[in-house]
Amino acid sequence: MVSLDFRGSLPDWIQARIAQADSQLLEAWSLRFVDARSLEDVFSD
């Protein structure tokens, strides 16, 4: 889903973070996704 909105494949570092994330972190990322202008906006700590 993210790859469709950001026009391309997800970098390996993002795929790894998603695979290792718990539900709380996934929820935080999902809230950021709404206003994000880049993948870094979504997955920054």
C-alpha atoms as a PDB file:
ATOM      1  CA  MET A   1       0.000   0.000   0.000  1.00  0.00           C
ATOM      2  CA  VAL A   2       2.737   2.479   0.864  1.00  0.00           C
ATOM      3  CA  SER A   3       4.597   1.664  -2.332  1.00  0.00           C
ATOM      4  CA  LEU A   4       1.568   2.661  -4.408  1.00  0.00           C
ATOM      5  CA  ASP A   5       1.273   6.093  -2.843  1.00  0.00           C
ATOM      6  CA  PHE A   6       4.977   6.875  -3.028  1.00  0.00           C
ATOM      7  CA  ARG A   7       5.334   5.535  -6.569  1.00  0.00           C
ATOM      8  CA  GLY A   8       7.799   2.697  -6.353  1.00  0.00           C
ATOM      9  CA  SER A   9       9.269  -0.137  -4.397  1.00  0.00           C
ATOM     10  CA  LEU A  10       9.955   0.217  -0.714  1.00  0.00           C
ATOM     11  CA  PRO A  11      13.639   0.389   0.212  1.00  0.00           C
ATOM     12  CA  ASP A  12      15.026  -2.603   2.079  1.00  0.00           C
ATOM     13  CA  TRP A  13      15.456  -0.596   5.295  1.00  0.00           C
ATOM     14  CA  ILE A  14      11.742   0.238   5.363  1.00  0.00           C
ATOM     15  CA  GLN A  15      10.676  -3.322   4.599  1.00  0.00           C
ATOM     16  CA  ALA A  16      12.875  -4.518   7.478  1.00  0.00           C
ATOM     17  CA  ARG A  17      11.409  -1.953   9.884  1.00  0.00           C
ATOM     18  CA  ILE A  18       7.855  -2.921   8.954  1.00  0.00           C
ATOM     19  CA  ALA A  19       8.615  -6.624   9.391  1.00  0.00           C
ATOM     20  CA  GLN A  20      10.019  -6.007  12.886  1.00  0.00           C
ATOM     21  CA  ALA A  21       7.485  -3.425  14.094  1.00  0.00           C
ATOM     22  CA  ASP A  22       4.994  -4.077  16.856  1.00  0.00           C
ATOM     23  CA  SER A  23       1.355  -3.006  16.641  1.00  0.00           C
ATOM     24  CA  GLN A  24       1.957   0.247  18.525  1.00  0.00           C
ATOM     25  CA  LEU A  25       4.650   1.360  16.081  1.00  0.00           C
ATOM     26  CA  LEU A  26       2.560   0.317  13.069  1.00  0.00           C
ATOM     27  CA  GLU A  27      -0.277   2.454  14.408  1.00  0.00           C
ATOM     28  CA  ALA A  28       2.020   5.457  14.871  1.00  0.00           C
ATOM     29  CA  TRP A  29       3.281   5.102  11.305  1.00  0.00           C
ATOM     30  CA  SER A  30      -0.252   4.801   9.963  1.00  0.00           C
ATOM     31  CA  LEU A  31      -1.167   8.128  11.569  1.00  0.00           C
ATOM     32  CA  ARG A  32       1.899   9.810  10.064  1.00  0.00           C
ATOM     33  CA  PHE A  33       1.166   8.409   6.620  1.00  0.00           C
ATOM     34  CA  VAL A  34      -1.847  10.693   6.198  1.00  0.00           C
ATOM     35  CA  ASP A  35       0.242  13.892   6.128  1.00  0.00           C
ATOM     36  CA  ALA A  36       3.612  12.517   4.989  1.00  0.00           C
ATOM     37  CA  ARG A  37       5.391  13.997   2.018  1.00  0.00           C
ATOM     38  CA  SER A  38       8.111  11.336   2.026  1.00  0.00           C
ATOM     39  CA  LEU A  39       8.821   7.894   3.392  1.00  0.00           C
ATOM     40  CA  GLU A  40      11.211   9.470   5.860  1.00  0.00           C
ATOM     41  CA  ASP A  41       8.299  11.490   7.245  1.00  0.00           C
ATOM     42  CA  VAL A  42       6.463   8.250   7.977  1.00  0.00           C
ATOM     43  CA  PHE A  43       9.304   6.122   9.315  1.00  0.00           C
ATOM     44  CA  SER A  44      11.396   8.638  11.222  1.00  0.00           C
ATOM     45  CA  ASP A  45      11.806   8.093  14.951  1.00  0.00           C
END
